[in-house]
Each structure stands twice: as structure tokens, then as C-alpha cells.
Amino acid sequence: MIFKDGLRKAGFFKENIYKTPLLTIHEFDEYYRKMMKADPNKIVPEAFIQEIKEYVGLLAATEDNSKYIDK
């Protein structure tokens, strides 16, 4: 998600509220599999998947996301 101030965060949201960060590609793969099982016709652009993989690989493991949770 891109916040109003331009900050980008990958994670899990509930009703547009940031709940937990996406820390590993395994978490994304698990979520993606469940989403596709629930709705096989849903299309997720490859560019989005690549952006998530890049974010998780480069940023998520080194950031403290606690100040953004539930905000």
C-alpha cells in the first residue's frame, strides 16, 4: 500500500488498516495460494508480484514496522 505521504508498506490490512508487515516471501506465497483457491479468476499482475518480492527481499527484514501498525 502507498500511504498519503508516499510511504510504501507491504503487509496485511483489515478494512484499510495496516495490521502486520509482510516479512517473508513464504507469507506472500501462502496468502497468494489461499486467494487463488478462493477465487481462481482473480488476476494479480506479474508486476505487482515482482514488486512484493523486491520489497520483501530488500526492505522488510530491516525495518521496524511497529509505529505503523493499527494507524
Protein backbone atom coordinates (compact mmCIF):
# COMPACT_ATOMS: atom_id res chain seq x y z
CA MET A 1 0.00 0.00 0.00
CA ILE A 2 1.14 3.54 -0.64
CA PHE A 3 0.21 5.93 2.15
CA LYS A 4 -0.72 9.60 1.67
CA ASP A 5 2.83 10.73 2.41
CA GLY A 6 4.27 8.37 -0.24
CA LEU A 7 5.48 5.74 2.24
CA ARG A 8 5.15 2.21 0.87
CA LYS A 9 4.39 -0.76 3.09
CA ALA A 10 3.72 -4.37 2.20
CA GLY A 11 1.67 -6.22 4.73
CA PHE A 12 -1.71 -7.42 5.76
CA PHE A 13 -4.55 -4.94 6.09
CA LYS A 14 -8.05 -5.15 7.51
CA GLU A 15 -10.52 -2.52 6.34
CA ASN A 16 -7.57 -0.42 5.07
CA ILE A 17 -5.84 -0.54 8.48
CA TYR A 18 -2.26 -1.84 8.46
CA LYS A 19 -2.19 -4.84 10.81
CA THR A 20 1.04 -6.76 10.25
CA PRO A 21 4.05 -6.39 7.97
CA LEU A 22 4.83 -8.85 5.21
CA LEU A 23 8.23 -10.17 6.28
CA THR A 24 8.91 -13.20 4.08
CA ILE A 25 8.14 -14.33 0.59
CA HIS A 26 6.73 -17.50 2.16
CA GLU A 27 3.98 -15.42 3.83
CA PHE A 28 3.14 -13.87 0.48
CA ASP A 29 3.11 -17.22 -1.32
CA GLU A 30 0.79 -18.69 1.31
CA TYR A 31 -1.60 -15.74 1.09
CA TYR A 32 -1.50 -15.83 -2.74
CA ARG A 33 -2.32 -19.56 -2.82
CA LYS A 34 -5.31 -19.06 -0.49
CA MET A 35 -6.53 -16.10 -2.52
CA MET A 36 -6.31 -18.04 -5.79
CA LYS A 37 -8.04 -21.04 -4.25
CA ALA A 38 -10.90 -18.82 -3.07
CA ASP A 39 -11.23 -17.07 -6.45
CA PRO A 40 -9.35 -18.75 -9.34
CA ASN A 41 -10.46 -15.99 -11.73
CA LYS A 42 -8.74 -13.24 -9.76
CA ILE A 43 -5.88 -11.74 -11.72
CA VAL A 44 -2.81 -10.39 -9.93
CA PRO A 45 -0.47 -8.53 -12.28
CA GLU A 46 3.01 -10.00 -12.51
CA ALA A 47 4.49 -6.53 -11.93
CA PHE A 48 2.75 -6.40 -8.53
CA ILE A 49 4.10 -9.82 -7.57
CA GLN A 50 7.61 -8.74 -8.56
CA GLU A 51 7.28 -5.53 -6.54
CA ILE A 52 6.24 -7.52 -3.46
CA LYS A 53 9.16 -9.91 -3.87
CA GLU A 54 11.56 -6.99 -4.24
CA TYR A 55 10.12 -5.21 -1.20
CA VAL A 56 10.35 -8.29 0.99
CA GLY A 57 13.85 -9.08 -0.20
CA LEU A 58 15.30 -5.59 0.21
CA LEU A 59 13.39 -3.77 2.93
CA ALA A 60 11.03 -5.68 5.17
CA ALA A 61 13.58 -7.60 7.18
CA THR A 62 15.43 -4.46 8.28
CA GLU A 63 12.54 -2.12 9.11
CA ASP A 64 10.74 -1.59 12.40
CA ASN A 65 7.08 -1.50 11.36
CA SER A 66 5.60 -1.22 14.85
CA LYS A 67 4.95 2.52 14.57
CA TYR A 68 2.66 1.93 11.57
CA ILE A 69 0.54 -0.93 12.93
CA ASP A 70 -3.14 -0.07 13.59
CA LYS A 71 -2.70 3.55 12.43
